[in-house]
Amino acid sequence: MTIAGVTDTSSYRADGTAKAGDELDKNDFLNLLVTQLQYQDPLNPMDSADFTAQLAQFSSLEQLTNMSDQLKELTLTQNALNNSQAVGYIGRTVLSNGNATQITDGNAVPLQVALDAPAAEVFVSIYDTTGGLRTTFSTDGMAAGRGAIEWPGTDMDNNPLPDGNYRFEVAAIDGAGEEVGASPMSSGRVSGVAFSNGESTLVVNGQPIRLDDIIEVIQEGTAEAS
């Protein structure tokens, strides 16, 4: 049944802000249904099946609205838990995916590397924060898996580099000169946590590290990782 002259009087949300022209909430839907019943033709009333179908639509709309509110609450709760978890990392040493390293008080952080297979030689390149190459060197023989490469924190002329943040790249070959898969990893103490857009990132070696990039969290004084 077509109803003429019926307008939507609920053009504002509960918080007083205007709704978009095509935006209807459950109260609008119910008001329209009641208005339709008030103005129906007594000689041609709404079919009971149509009325039942519209009630079912209203029920579905209400359930979706409630579900949306619950999802928002779950998102807020999850963000709060993630932030709390991130703060718990402060002061702990972590191993993560990434290529950040650091020199502090003249001491360079050992470079962590993951190899897909045993390597006869591993090549390392160190860059500063501007992308400038500061040094390159190689080390003989590394087993497959994760390992550390000591770096004295010096440049190509063996002069000490200044304290600060650096990044490194690695490449490796086997005894036959074939390339071996090699990935850099970042190791260091978490010095802080940054929060942005509901997400939290750890600050390690002066660089942001996502929580899902953490490989190990090392408890000081033990050899175990949690």
Foldseek 3Di string as FASTA:
>chain_A
DDDPPDDQPCQADPVGHGDPPPDDALVSLVVVLVVCQVPADPVDHDDPVVNVVSVVVSVVRVVVVVVVVVVVVVLLVVLVVQVVVQVVQAFWKFKFAFFKWWADPQATDWWKKAWQAKFQKKKKWKAAPVRHTFAIDMDGIDGHGMDTHGDSCAGHVRHHDDTAMMGMDMWGAHPVRHTIDMGTMDIAGFNDWDDDPSAIFTQGRNDTHHPVRTDFIDDPPDPDTD
